[in-house]
Amino acid sequence: MSDTRQVLNKANLGITAGIPLEASGGGIDELRADIQRIMDMEAIRQLKYAYFRCIDTANLEELGELFHENVLVHFLGGTYEWKLQGRQQYMDAVGASFSRESVGHHNGHHPEIQMLSATEATGIWYLADNMWILNHNAFTTGTAIYWDRYVKENGRWLIQETRYERLYELNSVLEERPSFDSHYLAAHGPAPGD
């Protein structure tokens, strides 16, 4: 990848200050709006947590329900770059990557969610992951910063845009295939190339 990299701060990520996280001090309607914002922030956290669960279990049916139809995806790793437009293109890429010949472990931490309006929000997440691609004898581990845009449609929050850039990535060739005592995708993942 290029040695020229952006500084990963809110300004460069396009993250602006959202609605302040303080009680408005108004009447019951303002209190309801404040509570709704808190509930929306929790819904966004659950959305992203579901994303990580669905990725590692290759649950493509549920994963597809988390994205806006026109989602924009841009992932910049140490040895790869994904630039995808639309839910189907992203689902095809994930389906090809998370097969019976892979084991994934992706955890998103420390969400910084900014509510921009009742139907728009942004989020920054810290990723830590491990990925084994068994049929290529490859192992990748690292961390990344995700930054997302969310939209609420028909009462549901969806990922409208998702990006990440690696903070570090270590790739290695496996000398031998690991002997996993449990390998969920071996039983439930698609066959490679499906």
C-alpha atoms as a PDB file:
ATOM      1  CA  MET A   1       0.000   0.000   0.000  1.00  0.00           C
ATOM      2  CA  SER A   2       1.001   3.592  -0.368  1.00  0.00           C
ATOM      3  CA  ASP A   3       3.323   5.200   2.157  1.00  0.00           C
ATOM      4  CA  THR A   4       1.152   8.337   1.891  1.00  0.00           C
ATOM      5  CA  ARG A   5      -1.634   7.929   4.402  1.00  0.00           C
ATOM      6  CA  GLN A   6      -4.166  10.295   5.816  1.00  0.00           C
ATOM      7  CA  VAL A   7      -4.211  11.342   9.438  1.00  0.00           C
ATOM      8  CA  LEU A   8      -7.083   9.450  11.060  1.00  0.00           C
ATOM      9  CA  ASN A   9      -8.758  12.305  12.926  1.00  0.00           C
ATOM     10  CA  LYS A  10     -12.397  13.362  12.899  1.00  0.00           C
ATOM     11  CA  ALA A  11     -11.819  16.217  10.458  1.00  0.00           C
ATOM     12  CA  ASN A  12     -10.163  13.964   7.857  1.00  0.00           C
ATOM     13  CA  LEU A  13     -12.791  11.253   8.360  1.00  0.00           C
ATOM     14  CA  GLY A  14     -15.606  13.741   7.768  1.00  0.00           C
ATOM     15  CA  ILE A  15     -16.982  13.313  11.284  1.00  0.00           C
ATOM     16  CA  THR A  16     -18.620  16.469  12.591  1.00  0.00           C
ATOM     17  CA  ALA A  17     -20.075  17.247  15.986  1.00  0.00           C
ATOM     18  CA  GLY A  18     -23.560  15.912  16.391  1.00  0.00           C
ATOM     19  CA  ILE A  19     -26.434  16.869  18.623  1.00  0.00           C
ATOM     20  CA  PRO A  20     -25.018  17.594  22.095  1.00  0.00           C
ATOM     21  CA  LEU A  21     -25.400  14.804  24.639  1.00  0.00           C
ATOM     22  CA  GLU A  22     -27.154  16.843  27.259  1.00  0.00           C
ATOM     23  CA  ALA A  23     -30.746  17.037  28.441  1.00  0.00           C
ATOM     24  CA  SER A  24     -32.542  19.872  26.705  1.00  0.00           C
ATOM     25  CA  GLY A  25     -34.251  21.041  29.891  1.00  0.00           C
ATOM     26  CA  GLY A  26     -37.559  21.517  28.114  1.00  0.00           C
ATOM     27  CA  GLY A  27     -40.883  19.809  28.582  1.00  0.00           C
ATOM     28  CA  ILE A  28     -42.041  16.249  28.059  1.00  0.00           C
ATOM     29  CA  ASP A  29     -41.639  16.382  24.264  1.00  0.00           C
ATOM     30  CA  GLU A  30     -38.004  17.439  24.580  1.00  0.00           C
ATOM     31  CA  LEU A  31     -37.433  14.679  27.141  1.00  0.00           C
ATOM     32  CA  ARG A  32     -38.927  12.140  24.718  1.00  0.00           C
ATOM     33  CA  ALA A  33     -36.608  13.411  21.976  1.00  0.00           C
ATOM     34  CA  ASP A  34     -33.600  13.083  24.315  1.00  0.00           C
ATOM     35  CA  ILE A  35     -34.590   9.513  25.232  1.00  0.00           C
ATOM     36  CA  GLN A  36     -35.154   8.645  21.568  1.00  0.00           C
ATOM     37  CA  ARG A  37     -31.621   9.822  20.732  1.00  0.00           C
ATOM     38  CA  ILE A  38     -30.213   7.526  23.430  1.00  0.00           C
ATOM     39  CA  MET A  39     -32.306   4.642  22.071  1.00  0.00           C
ATOM     40  CA  ASP A  40     -31.101   5.404  18.543  1.00  0.00           C
ATOM     41  CA  MET A  41     -27.490   5.332  19.705  1.00  0.00           C
ATOM     42  CA  GLU A  42     -28.097   1.920  21.277  1.00  0.00           C
ATOM     43  CA  ALA A  43     -29.766   0.720  18.066  1.00  0.00           C
ATOM     44  CA  ILE A  44     -26.672   1.810  16.098  1.00  0.00           C
ATOM     45  CA  ARG A  45     -24.391  -0.046  18.531  1.00  0.00           C
ATOM     46  CA  GLN A  46     -26.517  -3.193  18.126  1.00  0.00           C
ATOM     47  CA  LEU A  47     -26.426  -2.744  14.335  1.00  0.00           C
ATOM     48  CA  LYS A  48     -22.624  -2.704  14.292  1.00  0.00           C
ATOM     49  CA  TYR A  49     -22.344  -5.553  16.802  1.00  0.00           C
ATOM     50  CA  ALA A  50     -24.645  -7.613  14.548  1.00  0.00           C
ATOM     51  CA  TYR A  51     -22.372  -6.758  11.616  1.00  0.00           C
ATOM     52  CA  PHE A  52     -19.331  -8.309  13.329  1.00  0.00           C
ATOM     53  CA  ARG A  53     -21.323 -11.392  14.388  1.00  0.00           C
ATOM     54  CA  CYS A  54     -22.730 -11.908  10.900  1.00  0.00           C
ATOM     55  CA  ILE A  55     -19.327 -11.452   9.257  1.00  0.00           C
ATOM     56  CA  ASP A  56     -17.650 -14.139  11.361  1.00  0.00           C
ATOM     57  CA  THR A  57     -20.557 -16.588  11.023  1.00  0.00           C
ATOM     58  CA  ALA A  58     -21.028 -15.899   7.274  1.00  0.00           C
ATOM     59  CA  ASN A  59     -24.665 -15.142   8.051  1.00  0.00           C
ATOM     60  CA  LEU A  60     -25.181 -13.381   4.748  1.00  0.00           C
ATOM     61  CA  GLU A  61     -28.970 -13.251   5.026  1.00  0.00           C
ATOM     62  CA  GLU A  62     -28.935 -11.218   8.242  1.00  0.00           C
ATOM     63  CA  LEU A  63     -25.836  -9.283   7.159  1.00  0.00           C
ATOM     64  CA  GLY A  64     -27.599  -8.004   4.052  1.00  0.00           C
ATOM     65  CA  GLU A  65     -30.405  -6.592   6.197  1.00  0.00           C
ATOM     66  CA  LEU A  66     -27.924  -4.287   7.963  1.00  0.00           C
ATOM     67  CA  PHE A  67     -26.953  -2.295   4.866  1.00  0.00           C
ATOM     68  CA  HIS A  68     -28.589   0.385   2.801  1.00  0.00           C
ATOM     69  CA  GLU A  69     -29.175  -0.779  -0.777  1.00  0.00           C
ATOM     70  CA  ASN A  70     -26.634   1.768  -2.080  1.00  0.00           C
ATOM     71  CA  VAL A  71     -24.008   1.271   0.629  1.00  0.00           C
ATOM     72  CA  LEU A  72     -20.534   2.608  -0.117  1.00  0.00           C
ATOM     73  CA  VAL A  73     -17.665   0.425   1.144  1.00  0.00           C
ATOM     74  CA  HIS A  74     -13.980   1.386   1.169  1.00  0.00           C
ATOM     75  CA  PHE A  75     -11.557  -0.762   3.171  1.00  0.00           C
ATOM     76  CA  LEU A  76      -7.839  -0.046   3.061  1.00  0.00           C
ATOM     77  CA  GLY A  77      -5.636  -2.826   4.417  1.00  0.00           C
ATOM     78  CA  GLY A  78      -1.931  -3.411   4.299  1.00  0.00           C
ATOM     79  CA  THR A  79      -2.126  -5.692   1.256  1.00  0.00           C
ATOM     80  CA  TYR A  80      -5.608  -5.002  -0.140  1.00  0.00           C
ATOM     81  CA  GLU A  81      -8.142  -2.325  -0.930  1.00  0.00           C
ATOM     82  CA  TRP A  82     -11.885  -2.867  -1.341  1.00  0.00           C
ATOM     83  CA  LYS A  83     -13.907  -0.184  -3.128  1.00  0.00           C
ATOM     84  CA  LEU A  84     -17.465  -1.407  -3.506  1.00  0.00           C
ATOM     85  CA  GLN A  85     -20.782   0.270  -4.291  1.00  0.00           C
ATOM     86  CA  GLY A  86     -24.091  -1.303  -3.365  1.00  0.00           C
ATOM     87  CA  ARG A  87     -25.284  -3.995  -1.013  1.00  0.00           C
ATOM     88  CA  GLN A  88     -25.101  -6.828  -3.557  1.00  0.00           C
ATOM     89  CA  GLN A  89     -21.508  -6.084  -4.551  1.00  0.00           C
ATOM     90  CA  TYR A  90     -20.493  -6.039  -0.882  1.00  0.00           C
ATOM     91  CA  MET A  91     -22.409  -9.223  -0.080  1.00  0.00           C
ATOM     92  CA  ASP A  92     -20.707 -11.011  -2.998  1.00  0.00           C
ATOM     93  CA  ALA A  93     -17.276  -9.952  -1.721  1.00  0.00           C
ATOM     94  CA  VAL A  94     -18.028 -11.048   1.861  1.00  0.00           C
ATOM     95  CA  GLY A  95     -19.481 -14.353   0.644  1.00  0.00           C
ATOM     96  CA  ALA A  96     -16.277 -15.056  -1.281  1.00  0.00           C
ATOM     97  CA  SER A  97     -14.070 -14.210   1.716  1.00  0.00           C
ATOM     98  CA  PHE A  98     -15.910 -16.003   4.538  1.00  0.00           C
ATOM     99  CA  SER A  99     -16.178 -19.607   3.363  1.00  0.00           C
ATOM    100  CA  ARG A 100     -15.667 -23.068   4.784  1.00  0.00           C
ATOM    101  CA  GLU A 101     -11.962 -22.420   4.281  1.00  0.00           C
ATOM    102  CA  SER A 102     -11.827 -19.402   6.587  1.00  0.00           C
ATOM    103  CA  VAL A 103     -11.996 -18.551  10.263  1.00  0.00           C
ATOM    104  CA  GLY A 104     -12.671 -14.971  11.293  1.00  0.00           C
ATOM    105  CA  HIS A 105     -12.564 -13.129  14.598  1.00  0.00           C
ATOM    106  CA  HIS A 106     -13.598  -9.478  14.344  1.00  0.00           C
ATOM    107  CA  ASN A 107     -14.332  -7.308  17.370  1.00  0.00           C
ATOM    108  CA  GLY A 108     -15.481  -3.692  17.227  1.00  0.00           C
ATOM    109  CA  HIS A 109     -14.754  -1.591  20.299  1.00  0.00           C
ATOM    110  CA  HIS A 110     -15.111   1.905  21.691  1.00  0.00           C
ATOM    111  CA  PRO A 111     -17.903   3.345  19.539  1.00  0.00           C
ATOM    112  CA  GLU A 112     -17.999   7.120  19.108  1.00  0.00           C
ATOM    113  CA  ILE A 113     -21.508   7.796  17.798  1.00  0.00           C
ATOM    114  CA  GLN A 114     -22.613  11.248  16.681  1.00  0.00           C
ATOM    115  CA  MET A 115     -26.339  11.820  16.167  1.00  0.00           C
ATOM    116  CA  LEU A 116     -26.704  14.347  13.349  1.00  0.00           C
ATOM    117  CA  SER A 117     -30.511  14.280  13.194  1.00  0.00           C
ATOM    118  CA  ALA A 118     -33.378  11.922  13.947  1.00  0.00           C
ATOM    119  CA  THR A 119     -32.448   9.902  10.835  1.00  0.00           C
ATOM    120  CA  GLU A 120     -28.693  10.426  10.336  1.00  0.00           C
ATOM    121  CA  ALA A 121     -25.661   9.507  12.422  1.00  0.00           C
ATOM    122  CA  THR A 122     -21.957   8.733  12.171  1.00  0.00           C
ATOM    123  CA  GLY A 123     -19.767   6.357  14.110  1.00  0.00           C
ATOM    124  CA  ILE A 124     -16.111   5.582  14.659  1.00  0.00           C
ATOM    125  CA  TRP A 125     -15.128   2.084  15.801  1.00  0.00           C
ATOM    126  CA  TYR A 126     -11.850   0.428  16.742  1.00  0.00           C
ATOM    127  CA  LEU A 127     -11.435  -3.009  15.131  1.00  0.00           C
ATOM    128  CA  ALA A 128      -9.221  -5.868  16.321  1.00  0.00           C
ATOM    129  CA  ASP A 129      -9.258  -8.959  14.135  1.00  0.00           C
ATOM    130  CA  ASN A 130      -7.717 -12.288  13.206  1.00  0.00           C
ATOM    131  CA  MET A 131      -8.407 -14.010   9.894  1.00  0.00           C
ATOM    132  CA  TRP A 132      -7.294 -17.427   8.684  1.00  0.00           C
ATOM    133  CA  ILE A 133      -7.682 -18.286   4.996  1.00  0.00           C
ATOM    134  CA  LEU A 134      -6.972 -21.993   5.205  1.00  0.00           C
ATOM    135  CA  ASN A 135      -6.943 -22.871   1.504  1.00  0.00           C
ATOM    136  CA  HIS A 136      -4.275 -20.182   0.958  1.00  0.00           C
ATOM    137  CA  ASN A 137      -2.265 -21.009   4.117  1.00  0.00           C
ATOM    138  CA  ALA A 138      -2.628 -17.365   5.181  1.00  0.00           C
ATOM    139  CA  PHE A 139      -3.137 -15.648   8.519  1.00  0.00           C
ATOM    140  CA  THR A 140      -3.816 -11.940   9.015  1.00  0.00           C
ATOM    141  CA  THR A 141      -4.080 -10.049  12.281  1.00  0.00           C
ATOM    142  CA  GLY A 142      -4.316  -6.361  13.034  1.00  0.00           C
ATOM    143  CA  THR A 143      -6.363  -3.359  13.994  1.00  0.00           C
ATOM    144  CA  ALA A 144      -8.210  -0.701  12.044  1.00  0.00           C
ATOM    145  CA  ILE A 145     -10.328   2.385  12.502  1.00  0.00           C
ATOM    146  CA  TYR A 146     -13.817   2.129  10.995  1.00  0.00           C
ATOM    147  CA  TRP A 147     -15.876   5.210  10.251  1.00  0.00           C
ATOM    148  CA  ASP A 148     -19.482   4.792   9.214  1.00  0.00           C
ATOM    149  CA  ARG A 149     -22.530   6.776   8.187  1.00  0.00           C
ATOM    150  CA  TYR A 150     -25.951   5.510   9.228  1.00  0.00           C
ATOM    151  CA  VAL A 151     -29.429   6.331   8.018  1.00  0.00           C
ATOM    152  CA  LYS A 152     -32.764   5.499   9.623  1.00  0.00           C
ATOM    153  CA  GLU A 153     -35.398   4.296   7.161  1.00  0.00           C
ATOM    154  CA  ASN A 154     -38.806   2.912   8.077  1.00  0.00           C
ATOM    155  CA  GLY A 155     -37.817   2.920  11.760  1.00  0.00           C
ATOM    156  CA  ARG A 156     -34.588   0.900  11.219  1.00  0.00           C
ATOM    157  CA  TRP A 157     -30.985   2.059  11.267  1.00  0.00           C
ATOM    158  CA  LEU A 158     -28.884   0.923   8.282  1.00  0.00           C
ATOM    159  CA  ILE A 159     -25.210   1.247   7.390  1.00  0.00           C
ATOM    160  CA  GLN A 160     -25.121   3.688   4.488  1.00  0.00           C
ATOM    161  CA  GLU A 161     -21.348   4.048   4.229  1.00  0.00           C
ATOM    162  CA  THR A 162     -18.545   2.091   5.868  1.00  0.00           C
ATOM    163  CA  ARG A 163     -14.813   2.655   5.617  1.00  0.00           C
ATOM    164  CA  TYR A 164     -11.753   1.511   7.457  1.00  0.00           C
ATOM    165  CA  GLU A 165      -8.038   1.977   7.377  1.00  0.00           C
ATOM    166  CA  ARG A 166      -5.586  -0.339   9.050  1.00  0.00           C
ATOM    167  CA  LEU A 167      -3.486   0.896  11.940  1.00  0.00           C
ATOM    168  CA  TYR A 168      -1.391  -2.223  11.624  1.00  0.00           C
ATOM    169  CA  GLU A 169      -1.651  -5.476   9.734  1.00  0.00           C
ATOM    170  CA  LEU A 170       0.547  -8.551  10.037  1.00  0.00           C
ATOM    171  CA  ASN A 171       0.328 -11.232   7.366  1.00  0.00           C
ATOM    172  CA  SER A 172       1.996 -14.603   7.579  1.00  0.00           C
ATOM    173  CA  VAL A 173       2.087 -17.861   5.688  1.00  0.00           C
ATOM    174  CA  LEU A 174       0.952 -20.856   7.724  1.00  0.00           C
ATOM    175  CA  GLU A 175       3.527 -23.643   7.769  1.00  0.00           C
ATOM    176  CA  GLU A 176       0.732 -26.121   8.366  1.00  0.00           C
ATOM    177  CA  ARG A 177      -3.035 -26.014   8.536  1.00  0.00           C
ATOM    178  CA  PRO A 178      -4.197 -25.221  12.092  1.00  0.00           C
ATOM    179  CA  SER A 179      -6.061 -27.984  13.836  1.00  0.00           C
ATOM    180  CA  PHE A 180      -9.082 -26.118  15.185  1.00  0.00           C
ATOM    181  CA  ASP A 181     -11.066 -27.945  17.855  1.00  0.00           C
ATOM    182  CA  SER A 182     -14.080 -25.955  16.697  1.00  0.00           C
ATOM    183  CA  HIS A 183     -14.563 -24.457  13.241  1.00  0.00           C
ATOM    184  CA  TYR A 184     -18.073 -23.066  12.747  1.00  0.00           C
ATOM    185  CA  LEU A 185     -17.674 -22.028   9.099  1.00  0.00           C
ATOM    186  CA  ALA A 186     -16.476 -25.526   8.152  1.00  0.00           C
ATOM    187  CA  ALA A 187     -20.052 -26.638   8.806  1.00  0.00           C
ATOM    188  CA  HIS A 188     -22.030 -23.476   7.987  1.00  0.00           C
ATOM    189  CA  GLY A 189     -19.975 -21.413   5.554  1.00  0.00           C
ATOM    190  CA  PRO A 190     -20.350 -21.478   1.790  1.00  0.00           C
ATOM    191  CA  ALA A 191     -17.931 -23.559  -0.237  1.00  0.00           C
ATOM    192  CA  PRO A 192     -15.006 -21.520  -1.580  1.00  0.00           C
ATOM    193  CA  GLY A 193     -15.990 -19.924  -4.862  1.00  0.00           C
ATOM    194  CA  ASP A 194     -19.757 -20.264  -4.266  1.00  0.00           C
END
